[in-house]
Protein backbone atom coordinates (compact mmCIF):
# COMPACT_ATOMS: atom_id res chain seq x y z
CA UNK A 1 -18.06 11.93 1.21
CA UNK A 2 -20.27 11.80 -1.86
CA UNK A 3 -22.71 8.98 -2.65
CA UNK A 4 -24.26 8.33 -6.04
CA UNK A 5 -26.32 5.63 -7.71
CA UNK A 6 -25.63 3.80 -10.98
CA UNK A 7 -27.70 1.30 -12.97
CA UNK A 8 -27.23 -2.30 -11.83
CA UNK A 9 -25.91 -3.43 -15.20
CA UNK A 10 -23.32 -0.65 -15.25
CA UNK A 11 -22.22 -1.41 -11.72
CA UNK A 12 -21.80 -5.11 -12.45
CA UNK A 13 -20.02 -4.74 -15.79
CA UNK A 14 -17.92 -1.59 -15.40
CA UNK A 15 -14.85 -3.55 -14.33
CA UNK A 16 -15.27 -6.02 -17.20
CA UNK A 17 -15.88 -3.47 -19.95
CA UNK A 18 -12.25 -2.42 -20.67
CA UNK A 19 -11.11 -6.05 -20.89
CA UNK A 20 -14.06 -6.98 -23.09
CA UNK A 21 -13.40 -4.06 -25.46
CA UNK A 22 -9.70 -4.95 -25.68
CA UNK A 23 -10.50 -8.57 -26.55
CA UNK A 24 -13.09 -7.46 -29.11
CA UNK A 25 -10.48 -5.21 -30.73
CA UNK A 26 -8.03 -8.12 -30.81
CA UNK A 27 -10.70 -10.32 -32.38
CA UNK A 28 -11.26 -7.61 -34.99
CA UNK A 29 -7.53 -7.65 -35.79
CA UNK A 30 -7.68 -11.43 -36.23
CA UNK A 31 -10.65 -11.00 -38.58
CA UNK A 32 -8.75 -8.46 -40.69
CA UNK A 33 -5.72 -10.74 -40.87
CA UNK A 34 -7.91 -13.65 -41.94
CA UNK A 35 -9.59 -11.44 -44.55
CA UNK A 36 -6.21 -10.39 -45.94
CA UNK A 37 -5.20 -14.05 -46.20
CA UNK A 38 -8.49 -14.87 -47.88
CA UNK A 39 -8.09 -12.04 -50.36
CA UNK A 40 -4.55 -13.08 -51.23
CA UNK A 41 -5.42 -16.74 -51.70
CA UNK A 42 -8.45 -15.89 -53.81
CA UNK A 43 -6.28 -13.63 -55.95
CA UNK A 44 -3.90 -16.52 -56.61
CA UNK A 45 -6.79 -18.86 -57.40
CA UNK A 46 -8.31 -16.40 -59.86
CA UNK A 47 -4.98 -15.69 -61.56
CA UNK A 48 -4.31 -19.40 -61.98
CA UNK A 49 -7.70 -19.74 -63.67
CA UNK A 50 -7.20 -16.74 -65.95
CA UNK A 51 -6.60 -18.95 -68.96
CA UNK A 52 -9.66 -21.04 -68.12
CA UNK A 53 -11.82 -17.94 -67.68
CA UNK A 54 -10.52 -16.44 -70.92
CA UNK A 55 -11.31 -19.66 -72.76
CA UNK A 56 -14.86 -19.67 -71.41
CA UNK A 57 -15.34 -16.06 -72.45
CA UNK A 58 -13.98 -16.91 -75.92
CA UNK A 59 -16.50 -19.75 -76.17
CA UNK A 60 -19.38 -17.36 -75.44
CA UNK A 61 -19.72 -17.24 -71.65
CA UNK A 62 -20.81 -13.84 -70.33
CA UNK A 63 -18.99 -11.97 -67.58
CA UNK A 64 -22.09 -12.33 -65.39
CA UNK A 65 -21.94 -16.13 -65.71
CA UNK A 66 -18.27 -16.14 -64.73
CA UNK A 67 -18.92 -13.83 -61.78
CA UNK A 68 -21.89 -15.91 -60.67
CA UNK A 69 -19.80 -19.08 -60.59
CA UNK A 70 -17.09 -17.38 -58.52
CA UNK A 71 -19.72 -15.95 -56.15
CA UNK A 72 -21.27 -19.38 -55.61
CA UNK A 73 -17.87 -20.96 -54.97
CA UNK A 74 -16.98 -18.28 -52.39
CA UNK A 75 -20.42 -18.48 -50.79
CA UNK A 76 -20.09 -22.24 -50.41
CA UNK A 77 -16.67 -21.86 -48.78
CA UNK A 78 -18.08 -19.15 -46.49
CA UNK A 79 -20.95 -21.38 -45.35
CA UNK A 80 -18.59 -24.27 -44.63
CA UNK A 81 -16.11 -22.02 -42.83
CA UNK A 82 -18.80 -20.26 -40.82
CA UNK A 83 -20.35 -23.55 -39.73
CA UNK A 84 -16.98 -24.95 -38.63
CA UNK A 85 -16.21 -21.68 -36.85
CA UNK A 86 -19.44 -21.79 -34.88
CA UNK A 87 -18.72 -25.38 -33.86
CA UNK A 88 -15.22 -24.44 -32.70
CA UNK A 89 -16.68 -21.44 -30.86
CA UNK A 90 -19.14 -23.64 -28.96
CA UNK A 91 -16.36 -25.99 -27.88
CA UNK A 92 -14.04 -23.10 -26.98
CA UNK A 93 -16.72 -21.41 -24.87
CA UNK A 94 -17.42 -24.63 -23.00
CA UNK A 95 -13.72 -25.08 -22.30
CA UNK A 96 -13.33 -21.46 -21.19
CA UNK A 97 -16.24 -21.69 -18.76
CA UNK A 98 -14.67 -24.79 -17.21
CA UNK A 99 -11.47 -22.82 -16.57
CA UNK A 100 -13.21 -19.82 -14.97
CA UNK A 101 -13.35 -19.69 -11.16
CA UNK A 102 -16.73 -20.27 -9.54
CA UNK A 103 -18.93 -17.14 -9.38
CA UNK A 104 -16.37 -15.30 -11.54
CA UNK A 105 -18.88 -13.85 -14.01
CA UNK A 106 -21.57 -11.36 -12.90
CA UNK A 107 -24.26 -13.46 -14.62
CA UNK A 108 -25.50 -16.94 -13.91
CA UNK A 109 -24.58 -18.42 -17.30
CA UNK A 110 -23.10 -17.52 -20.66
CA UNK A 111 -24.24 -19.16 -23.87
CA UNK A 112 -24.06 -18.62 -27.62
CA UNK A 113 -27.70 -17.68 -28.17
CA UNK A 114 -29.35 -17.18 -31.55
CA UNK A 115 -28.29 -13.52 -31.71
CA UNK A 116 -24.60 -14.32 -31.20
CA UNK A 117 -24.72 -17.28 -33.58
CA UNK A 118 -26.57 -15.26 -36.19
CA UNK A 119 -24.15 -12.34 -35.97
CA UNK A 120 -21.10 -14.62 -36.17
CA UNK A 121 -22.50 -16.56 -39.13
CA UNK A 122 -23.55 -13.40 -40.98
CA UNK A 123 -20.15 -11.80 -40.39
CA UNK A 124 -18.35 -14.90 -41.69
CA UNK A 125 -20.50 -14.90 -44.82
CA UNK A 126 -20.08 -11.16 -45.39
CA UNK A 127 -16.31 -11.07 -44.97
CA UNK A 128 -15.72 -14.30 -46.90
CA UNK A 129 -17.83 -13.24 -49.86
CA UNK A 130 -16.68 -9.61 -49.84
CA UNK A 131 -12.94 -10.19 -49.52
CA UNK A 132 -13.10 -13.34 -51.60
CA UNK A 133 -14.82 -11.58 -54.49
CA UNK A 134 -12.70 -8.44 -54.66
CA UNK A 135 -9.86 -10.22 -56.50
CA UNK A 136 -12.41 -11.98 -58.70
CA UNK A 137 -13.56 -8.63 -60.08
CA UNK A 138 -10.41 -8.52 -62.20
CA UNK A 139 -12.04 -11.16 -64.42
CA UNK A 140 -14.22 -8.36 -65.80
CA UNK A 141 -11.12 -7.07 -67.64
CA UNK A 142 -9.84 -10.29 -69.15
CA UNK A 143 -7.53 -9.97 -72.15
CA UNK A 144 -8.26 -13.15 -74.09
CA UNK A 145 -5.02 -13.35 -76.05
CA UNK A 146 -2.74 -12.39 -73.14
CA UNK A 147 -4.53 -14.64 -70.66
CA UNK A 148 -4.37 -17.73 -72.88
CA UNK A 149 -0.71 -17.10 -73.71
CA UNK A 150 0.33 -16.44 -70.09
CA UNK A 151 -0.38 -20.01 -68.94
CA UNK A 152 -1.71 -18.63 -65.65
CA UNK A 153 1.64 -17.11 -64.64
CA UNK A 154 1.66 -14.56 -61.87
CA UNK A 155 2.39 -10.93 -62.61
CA UNK A 156 4.45 -8.30 -60.79
CA UNK A 157 1.27 -6.42 -59.94
CA UNK A 158 -0.37 -9.43 -58.29
CA UNK A 159 2.76 -10.13 -56.22
CA UNK A 160 2.80 -6.54 -54.99
CA UNK A 161 -0.88 -6.75 -54.03
CA UNK A 162 -0.21 -9.88 -52.01
CA UNK A 163 2.86 -8.28 -50.46
CA UNK A 164 0.70 -5.36 -49.36
CA UNK A 165 -1.85 -7.70 -47.80
CA UNK A 166 0.86 -9.64 -45.98
CA UNK A 167 2.47 -6.41 -44.75
CA UNK A 168 -0.90 -5.45 -43.26
CA UNK A 169 -1.19 -8.86 -41.60
CA UNK A 170 2.27 -8.61 -40.09
CA UNK A 171 1.62 -5.04 -38.86
CA UNK A 172 -1.50 -6.12 -36.96
CA UNK A 173 0.36 -9.16 -35.65
CA UNK A 174 3.10 -6.92 -34.27
CA UNK A 175 0.51 -4.89 -32.36
CA UNK A 176 -1.13 -8.02 -30.93
CA UNK A 177 2.18 -9.62 -29.96
CA UNK A 178 3.43 -6.43 -28.30
CA UNK A 179 0.15 -5.97 -26.41
CA UNK A 180 0.14 -9.57 -25.23
CA UNK A 181 3.79 -9.32 -24.22
CA UNK A 182 3.23 -6.20 -22.14
CA UNK A 183 0.22 -7.73 -20.41
CA UNK A 184 2.23 -10.87 -19.65
CA UNK A 185 4.96 -8.71 -18.12
CA UNK A 186 2.30 -6.89 -16.09
CA UNK A 187 0.85 -10.17 -14.81
CA UNK A 188 4.32 -11.39 -13.83
CA UNK A 189 4.87 -8.14 -11.93
CA UNK A 190 1.60 -8.47 -10.04
CA UNK A 191 2.09 -12.16 -9.23
CA UNK A 192 5.62 -11.65 -7.95
CA UNK A 193 4.84 -8.73 -5.64
CA UNK A 194 6.05 -9.54 -2.10
CA UNK A 195 2.78 -10.17 -0.20
CA UNK A 196 4.04 -8.75 3.08
CA UNK A 197 2.91 -11.82 5.05
CA UNK A 198 3.27 -15.60 5.01
CA UNK A 199 0.30 -17.31 3.32
CA UNK A 200 1.56 -20.88 3.90
CA UNK A 201 -0.75 -22.90 6.14
CA UNK A 202 -3.37 -20.14 6.48
CA UNK A 203 -7.05 -21.04 6.16
CA UNK A 204 -9.80 -18.44 6.26
CA UNK A 205 -13.57 -18.60 6.64
CA UNK A 206 -16.16 -15.85 6.23
CA UNK A 207 -19.40 -15.35 8.12
CA UNK A 208 -22.07 -12.68 7.75
CA UNK A 209 -22.70 -10.62 10.88
CA UNK A 210 -25.37 -8.48 9.21
CA UNK A 211 -27.77 -9.18 12.06
CA UNK A 212 -29.26 -6.94 14.74
CA UNK A 213 -28.19 -9.51 17.36
CA UNK A 214 -24.54 -8.56 16.94
CA UNK A 215 -24.35 -5.31 18.86
CA UNK A 216 -20.88 -4.43 20.23
CA UNK A 217 -21.10 -6.57 23.42
CA UNK A 218 -22.49 -9.59 21.52
CA UNK A 219 -19.91 -9.06 18.79
CA UNK A 220 -17.01 -9.13 21.27
CA UNK A 221 -18.44 -12.23 22.97
CA UNK A 222 -18.75 -14.03 19.63
CA UNK A 223 -15.15 -13.28 18.69
CA UNK A 224 -13.72 -14.28 22.09
CA UNK A 225 -15.61 -17.58 22.37
CA UNK A 226 -15.15 -18.69 18.75
CA UNK A 227 -11.43 -17.90 18.70
CA UNK A 228 -10.89 -19.66 22.05
CA UNK A 229 -12.51 -22.79 20.60
CA UNK A 230 -10.49 -22.60 17.38
CA UNK A 231 -7.20 -22.34 19.25
CA UNK A 232 -8.03 -25.67 20.89
CA UNK A 233 -8.29 -27.47 17.51
CA UNK A 234 -5.34 -29.90 17.19
CA UNK A 235 -2.71 -28.53 14.82
CA UNK A 236 -3.91 -24.91 15.01
CA UNK A 237 -1.02 -22.62 15.97
CA UNK A 238 -2.96 -19.36 16.17
CA UNK A 239 -6.33 -17.86 15.26
CA UNK A 240 -7.69 -14.37 14.68
CA UNK A 241 -10.46 -12.34 13.03
CA UNK A 242 -10.17 -9.42 10.63
CA UNK A 243 -12.70 -7.27 8.81
CA UNK A 244 -10.70 -7.81 5.62
CA UNK A 245 -7.66 -9.77 4.54
CA UNK A 246 -4.65 -9.04 2.36
CA UNK A 247 -5.51 -9.27 -1.36
CA UNK A 248 -9.08 -8.18 -0.57
CA UNK A 249 -10.82 -4.85 -0.98
CA UNK A 250 -10.60 -2.90 2.27
CA UNK A 251 -13.07 -0.47 3.81
CA UNK A 252 -12.42 3.21 3.11
CA UNK A 253 -13.00 5.45 6.10
CA UNK A 254 -12.23 9.01 7.07
CA UNK A 255 -9.85 9.96 9.88
CA UNK A 256 -8.30 13.24 11.01
CA UNK A 257 -4.54 13.70 11.30
CA UNK A 258 -3.79 15.23 14.68
CA UNK A 259 -0.02 15.48 14.23
CA UNK A 260 2.53 15.57 11.45
CA UNK A 261 3.02 17.90 8.46
CA UNK A 262 -0.67 17.69 7.53
CA UNK A 263 -2.13 18.00 11.03
CA UNK A 264 -5.84 18.87 11.02
CA UNK A 265 -6.50 17.32 7.60
CA UNK A 266 -9.33 14.84 7.14
CA UNK A 267 -8.07 11.94 5.04
CA UNK A 268 -9.58 8.78 3.58
CA UNK A 269 -7.64 5.58 4.15
CA UNK A 270 -8.01 1.80 4.16
CA UNK A 271 -9.46 0.64 7.44
CA UNK A 272 -9.93 -2.73 9.19
CA UNK A 273 -10.67 -3.97 12.66
CA UNK A 274 -8.65 -6.98 13.81
CA UNK A 275 -8.25 -9.11 16.91
CA UNK A 276 -4.97 -9.26 18.89
CA UNK A 277 -3.69 -12.41 17.12
CA UNK A 278 -4.19 -11.07 13.58
CA UNK A 279 -0.61 -9.96 12.84
CA UNK A 280 0.89 -13.05 14.47
CA UNK A 281 -1.41 -15.41 12.56
CA UNK A 282 -0.58 -13.86 9.18
CA UNK A 283 3.04 -13.31 10.25
CA UNK A 284 3.00 -9.66 9.26
CA UNK A 285 6.29 -8.10 10.46
CA UNK A 286 6.04 -5.51 13.22
CA UNK A 287 8.41 -2.65 12.39
CA UNK A 288 7.95 -0.39 15.40
CA UNK A 289 6.05 -0.33 18.70
CA UNK A 290 3.62 -3.11 19.48
CA UNK A 291 0.45 -4.69 18.12
CA UNK A 292 -2.86 -5.16 19.91
CA UNK A 293 -3.22 -6.97 23.22
CA UNK A 294 -6.18 -8.42 25.08
CA UNK A 295 -5.92 -5.45 27.42
CA UNK A 296 -6.92 -3.06 24.61
CA UNK A 297 -10.59 -3.20 25.57
CA UNK A 298 -13.59 -0.93 24.95
CA UNK A 299 -13.03 1.11 28.12
CA UNK A 300 -9.30 1.60 27.61
CA UNK A 301 -7.21 4.09 25.63
CA UNK A 302 -8.24 4.07 21.94
CA UNK A 303 -5.29 2.70 19.99
CA UNK A 304 -4.44 2.10 16.36
CA UNK A 305 -1.73 0.36 14.34
CA UNK A 306 -0.66 1.85 11.01
CA UNK A 307 1.29 0.37 8.12
CA UNK A 308 4.54 1.53 6.61
CA UNK A 309 2.85 3.24 3.63
CA UNK A 310 0.79 5.37 6.04
CA UNK A 311 3.98 6.32 7.87
CA UNK A 312 5.81 7.31 4.67
CA UNK A 313 2.94 9.46 3.44
CA UNK A 314 1.77 11.24 6.58
CA UNK A 315 4.76 11.03 8.97
CA UNK A 316 7.80 11.36 6.67
CA UNK A 317 11.06 11.30 8.60
CA UNK A 318 9.15 11.04 11.89
CA UNK A 319 8.48 8.34 14.46
CA UNK A 320 4.70 7.81 14.42
CA UNK A 321 4.52 5.63 17.54
CA UNK A 322 3.16 7.70 20.41
CA UNK A 323 1.42 10.22 18.16
CA UNK A 324 -2.34 10.65 17.77
CA UNK A 325 -5.07 10.41 15.16
CA UNK A 326 -8.56 11.85 15.65
CA UNK A 327 -7.16 13.78 18.65
CA UNK A 328 -7.33 10.89 21.15
CA UNK A 329 -6.49 7.71 19.21
CA UNK A 330 -2.92 6.66 20.04
CA UNK A 331 -0.65 5.08 17.42
CA UNK A 332 0.98 2.13 19.21
CA UNK A 333 2.69 0.31 16.35
CA UNK A 334 3.79 0.19 12.73
CA UNK A 335 3.54 -3.00 10.64
CA UNK A 336 4.78 -3.92 7.17
CA UNK A 337 2.67 -3.20 4.11
CA UNK A 338 0.57 -6.06 2.78
CA UNK A 339 -0.80 -6.40 -0.72
CA UNK A 340 -4.44 -5.41 -1.02
CA UNK A 341 -6.93 -5.06 -3.83
CA UNK A 342 -7.37 -1.49 -5.01
CA UNK A 343 -10.91 -2.14 -6.30
CA UNK A 344 -12.31 0.42 -3.90
CA UNK A 345 -9.63 2.80 -4.98
CA UNK A 346 -7.80 5.42 -2.93
CA UNK A 347 -6.34 6.10 -6.35
CA UNK A 348 -8.49 5.46 -9.43
CA UNK A 349 -5.36 4.78 -11.49
CA UNK A 350 -3.91 2.36 -8.95
CA UNK A 351 -2.77 -1.13 -9.82
CA UNK A 352 -5.21 -4.03 -9.26
CA UNK A 353 -2.92 -5.00 -6.40
CA UNK A 354 -1.16 -2.34 -4.41
CA UNK A 355 0.37 -1.52 -1.06
CA UNK A 356 -1.60 1.53 0.01
CA UNK A 357 -1.73 3.21 3.38
CA UNK A 358 -3.93 1.43 5.95
CA UNK A 359 -4.85 1.58 9.63
CA UNK A 360 -5.90 -1.25 11.95
CA UNK A 361 -8.15 -0.89 15.00
CA UNK A 362 -8.79 -3.42 17.79
CA UNK A 363 -12.07 -5.27 17.22
CA UNK A 364 -12.78 -4.94 20.97
CA UNK A 365 -12.87 -1.14 20.66
CA UNK A 366 -15.64 -1.14 18.04
CA UNK A 367 -18.21 0.40 20.41
CA UNK A 368 -20.36 2.36 17.95
CA UNK A 369 -23.32 0.05 17.26
CA UNK A 370 -24.53 1.98 14.21
CA UNK A 371 -21.07 2.06 12.59
CA UNK A 372 -20.55 -1.64 13.34
CA UNK A 373 -23.89 -2.45 11.73
CA UNK A 374 -22.92 -0.49 8.60
CA UNK A 375 -19.59 -2.33 8.42
CA UNK A 376 -21.28 -5.72 8.58
CA UNK A 377 -23.80 -4.70 5.94
CA UNK A 378 -21.01 -4.36 3.38
CA UNK A 379 -18.32 -6.68 4.71
CA UNK A 380 -18.13 -10.23 6.03
CA UNK A 381 -15.32 -10.60 8.58
CA UNK A 382 -12.87 -13.46 8.17
CA UNK A 383 -11.81 -16.01 10.77
CA UNK A 384 -8.15 -16.98 10.19
CA UNK A 385 -6.19 -19.93 11.49
CA UNK A 386 -2.58 -20.95 10.93
CA UNK A 387 -1.87 -24.64 10.97
CA UNK A 388 1.16 -26.83 10.41
CA UNK A 389 -1.01 -29.84 9.55
CA UNK A 390 -2.96 -30.63 6.35
CA UNK A 391 -6.12 -28.56 5.96
CA UNK A 392 -8.37 -31.60 5.40
CA UNK A 393 -10.92 -31.90 8.19
CA UNK A 394 -10.18 -28.48 9.68
CA UNK A 395 -13.16 -26.79 8.02
CA UNK A 396 -15.63 -28.96 9.96
CA UNK A 397 -13.80 -28.26 13.20
CA UNK A 398 -13.79 -24.53 12.48
CA UNK A 399 -17.55 -24.62 11.90
CA UNK A 400 -18.08 -26.47 15.18
CA UNK A 401 -15.89 -23.90 16.97
CA UNK A 402 -18.06 -21.09 15.61
CA UNK A 403 -21.21 -23.02 16.53
CA UNK A 404 -19.99 -23.22 20.10
CA UNK A 405 -20.34 -19.42 20.24
CA UNK A 406 -23.49 -19.17 18.08
CA UNK A 407 -25.19 -22.37 16.80
CA UNK A 408 -27.21 -20.32 14.27
CA UNK A 409 -24.22 -18.70 12.54
CA UNK A 410 -22.71 -20.71 9.64
CA UNK A 411 -19.60 -19.87 7.67
CA UNK A 412 -20.40 -18.78 4.13
CA UNK A 413 -17.20 -20.22 2.70
CA UNK A 414 -13.75 -21.60 3.46
CA UNK A 415 -10.63 -20.55 1.57
CA UNK A 416 -6.99 -21.43 1.50
CA UNK A 417 -5.07 -18.15 1.61
CA UNK A 418 -3.07 -19.07 -1.50
CA UNK A 419 -6.31 -19.77 -3.40
CA UNK A 420 -7.64 -16.38 -2.31
CA UNK A 421 -4.47 -14.74 -3.61
CA UNK A 422 -4.79 -16.56 -6.93
CA UNK A 423 -8.46 -15.61 -7.34
CA UNK A 424 -7.61 -11.92 -7.03
CA UNK A 425 -5.78 -11.96 -10.37
CA UNK A 426 -8.15 -14.36 -12.14
CA UNK A 427 -9.42 -11.67 -14.52
CA UNK A 428 -5.90 -10.62 -15.50
CA UNK A 429 -4.87 -14.24 -16.10
CA UNK A 430 -7.85 -14.94 -18.33
CA UNK A 431 -7.39 -11.71 -20.28
CA UNK A 432 -3.69 -12.42 -20.81
CA UNK A 433 -4.39 -16.03 -21.82
CA UNK A 434 -7.03 -15.03 -24.38
CA UNK A 435 -4.94 -12.23 -25.84
CA UNK A 436 -1.90 -14.52 -26.01
CA UNK A 437 -3.95 -17.12 -27.90
CA UNK A 438 -5.18 -14.44 -30.31
CA UNK A 439 -1.65 -13.11 -30.83
CA UNK A 440 -0.42 -16.65 -31.51
CA UNK A 441 -3.25 -17.18 -33.98
CA UNK A 442 -2.35 -13.91 -35.71
CA UNK A 443 1.28 -15.02 -35.90
CA UNK A 444 0.20 -18.35 -37.40
CA UNK A 445 -1.99 -16.66 -40.00
CA UNK A 446 0.82 -14.27 -40.95
CA UNK A 447 3.21 -17.21 -41.32
CA UNK A 448 0.65 -18.98 -43.51
CA UNK A 449 0.33 -15.85 -45.66
CA UNK A 450 4.10 -15.51 -46.14
CA UNK A 451 4.46 -19.24 -46.81
CA UNK A 452 1.65 -19.18 -49.38
CA UNK A 453 3.14 -16.18 -51.17
CA UNK A 454 6.59 -17.73 -51.51
CA UNK A 455 5.26 -21.20 -52.31
CA UNK A 456 3.07 -19.75 -55.06
CA UNK A 457 6.01 -17.84 -56.50
CA UNK A 458 8.08 -21.03 -56.59
CA UNK A 459 5.26 -22.97 -58.22
CA UNK A 460 4.50 -20.31 -60.81
CA UNK A 461 8.12 -19.46 -61.62
CA UNK A 462 9.48 -22.99 -61.79
CA UNK A 463 10.08 -22.57 -65.55
CA UNK A 464 11.83 -19.21 -65.09
CA UNK A 465 13.95 -20.52 -62.20
CA UNK A 466 14.97 -23.58 -64.24
CA UNK A 467 16.08 -21.42 -67.16
CA UNK A 468 18.05 -19.10 -64.82
CA UNK A 469 19.82 -22.09 -63.31
CA UNK A 470 20.54 -23.49 -66.76
CA UNK A 471 22.16 -20.18 -67.65
CA UNK A 472 24.47 -20.31 -64.62
CA UNK A 473 22.49 -19.05 -61.62
CA UNK A 474 23.21 -20.94 -58.37
CA UNK A 475 20.60 -22.60 -56.18
CA UNK A 476 21.38 -20.17 -53.35
CA UNK A 477 20.78 -17.13 -55.59
CA UNK A 478 17.56 -18.66 -56.89
CA UNK A 479 16.33 -19.31 -53.34
CA UNK A 480 17.16 -15.77 -52.25
CA UNK A 481 15.50 -14.28 -55.33
CA UNK A 482 12.36 -16.38 -54.75
CA UNK A 483 12.05 -15.74 -51.01
CA UNK A 484 12.81 -12.01 -51.21
CA UNK A 485 9.17 -10.89 -51.77
CA UNK A 486 8.07 -12.60 -48.55
CA UNK A 487 10.96 -11.10 -46.57
CA UNK A 488 10.29 -7.61 -47.95
CA UNK A 489 6.57 -7.86 -47.13
CA UNK A 490 7.33 -9.02 -43.60
CA UNK A 491 9.94 -6.28 -43.07
CA UNK A 492 7.51 -3.61 -44.26
CA UNK A 493 4.78 -5.01 -42.02
CA UNK A 494 7.16 -5.09 -39.05
CA UNK A 495 8.07 -1.43 -39.59
CA UNK A 496 4.42 -0.36 -39.95
CA UNK A 497 3.48 -2.44 -36.90
CA UNK A 498 6.13 -0.75 -34.75
CA UNK A 499 4.79 2.64 -35.86
CA UNK A 500 1.24 1.55 -34.94
CA UNK A 501 2.51 0.40 -31.54
CA UNK A 502 3.48 3.99 -30.72
CA UNK A 503 -0.20 4.93 -30.53
CA UNK A 504 -1.81 1.63 -29.54
CA UNK A 505 0.52 0.81 -26.65
CA UNK A 506 0.18 4.34 -25.29
CA UNK A 507 -3.58 3.72 -25.02
CA UNK A 508 -2.78 0.67 -22.86
CA UNK A 509 -0.96 2.77 -20.28
CA UNK A 510 -3.82 2.49 -17.78
CA UNK A 511 -3.64 -1.33 -17.67
CA UNK A 512 0.14 -1.70 -17.52
CA UNK A 513 1.81 -1.99 -14.12
CA UNK A 514 5.46 -2.48 -13.33
CA UNK A 515 6.45 -2.25 -16.99
CA UNK A 516 6.94 0.67 -19.36
CA UNK A 517 4.67 1.29 -22.34
CA UNK A 518 7.60 0.93 -24.74
CA UNK A 519 9.31 -1.93 -22.93
CA UNK A 520 12.51 -2.67 -24.89
CA UNK A 521 12.80 -6.41 -24.00
CA UNK A 522 9.19 -7.00 -25.08
CA UNK A 523 9.55 -5.11 -28.37
CA UNK A 524 12.86 -6.84 -29.06
CA UNK A 525 11.27 -10.24 -28.43
CA UNK A 526 8.45 -9.40 -30.85
CA UNK A 527 10.96 -8.41 -33.55
CA UNK A 528 13.02 -11.57 -33.04
CA UNK A 529 9.92 -13.79 -33.04
CA UNK A 530 8.60 -12.33 -36.29
CA UNK A 531 12.05 -12.52 -37.86
CA UNK A 532 12.31 -16.21 -36.96
CA UNK A 533 8.81 -16.95 -38.26
CA UNK A 534 9.54 -15.06 -41.48
CA UNK A 535 12.77 -17.00 -41.95
CA UNK A 536 10.98 -20.34 -41.55
CA UNK A 537 7.98 -19.32 -43.67
CA UNK A 538 10.22 -18.27 -46.55
CA UNK A 539 12.91 -20.96 -46.24
CA UNK A 540 10.63 -24.00 -46.24
CA UNK A 541 8.92 -23.32 -49.60
CA UNK A 542 12.15 -22.13 -51.27
CA UNK A 543 13.73 -25.52 -50.56
CA UNK A 544 11.71 -26.74 -53.53
CA UNK A 545 14.07 -24.72 -55.73
CA UNK A 546 16.82 -27.25 -55.00
CA UNK A 547 14.68 -30.00 -56.56
CA UNK A 548 14.19 -28.17 -59.87
CA UNK A 549 15.92 -29.95 -62.78
CA UNK A 550 17.07 -27.32 -65.34
CA UNK A 551 17.54 -30.00 -68.04
CA UNK A 552 13.96 -31.16 -67.66
CA UNK A 553 12.71 -27.58 -67.91
CA UNK A 554 14.67 -27.02 -71.13
CA UNK A 555 13.36 -30.25 -72.66
CA UNK A 556 9.78 -29.18 -71.90
CA UNK A 557 10.45 -25.85 -73.59
């Protein structure tokens, strides 16, 4: 076994880094989508003011004066937007921290300090001014006669530019929606894994035994006396102690296979000591042999219980009961697999929750004082009770039962087993929730972009549409002709987004469990969602076509 040291910051943040990078990338996508929207809207605003700008130039205004005015307008909008964004960020952070479980983050507090606020404000100014001014640069090439005569009408070139921007928005939205969908499917898979035991009515409490007083004899006395007192609590059906519980990180320990296809091999496996009532209290099914009894004491035959995963891997097609590990440790039973956290990792690529091979030893046969001390340095054993009555009031009685064995030993915390199970996936839930919110925001921004494109086309081409209708074109044809640019932009963006997903989703392979990288139902749902949003975003503004009066248009002409 190899030991190595890492910096404290790295050790505390390594597990958070991939999720943080993924969310930062998603935030970057949102920023690009917002910039594309900003560029498109600014382009429309500048084109509508072409005649005004041309008139000013004709009256003697310099290009620098025109540019300066546009810069000031964009800068003012950027300041207002950045200020509102920071305010929303403060409220969102406060709400997020309220939703996080206690002691979830590796730091005491998280706040938007001056560095974060400064960076966010500077970035909002930079992107707003930069992307807002790019379309304004076309004012440097104003054709006075054409601009005044055009009445601010949009051109084919400007529509294609906006279509390109919207296609980019939709492409990034496809990636975000597909990523969020796959992570949601992964979370559903993890949350619906059969736990392998019955968590209903189970209450656990942890206590630190990292104390020189708890040598093997004192340790056994503590367990026997405290469990005897807990079993006398009214409503308690059974009680036990285990070094670790399902859904927790287990100890990794080495053991030698004495029999089987890999006899003589030293393996590393999940390891826990438990008291005789452990499997009964958690209602873990016994598949073969027996579980521990009070007779399995320190001076008796060394025994062990293995789980089904251990049997499949090291005793395939064999009956493990009656065989030996470490030469003289007898396998007396096989129990069902229970879900455990793979944070310690027999397999670095394992799921956050998995059913790996594990062995259980009787707590009474932990006779090595040095090894027991090492165990209790890193792990706090859990006292478990099963009750058919409400849990209120039981925590105080459990503490008094422990005090009857050692008045100086308090429990460090009490947990309902279902709460413990929920806490295990807290990081995945928060990551999925944040990414889903970002994907929804991206979808909203894309819908706004498509809506604005089509609405602007309707507004700018009202005269043309009225003349077409006066010459015999139907309302339906006019609506289709007007909404087509938005549909084409969305279709192009959808196609590009699916192509991007080929590479992006493959990079997510390491965080997807129970679902394929190119999951057909998820991709199909993304396509249908974007199609529905595109339909609504193009249909709503084109309904204005039905209100156009061709006769009125002709009279104005």
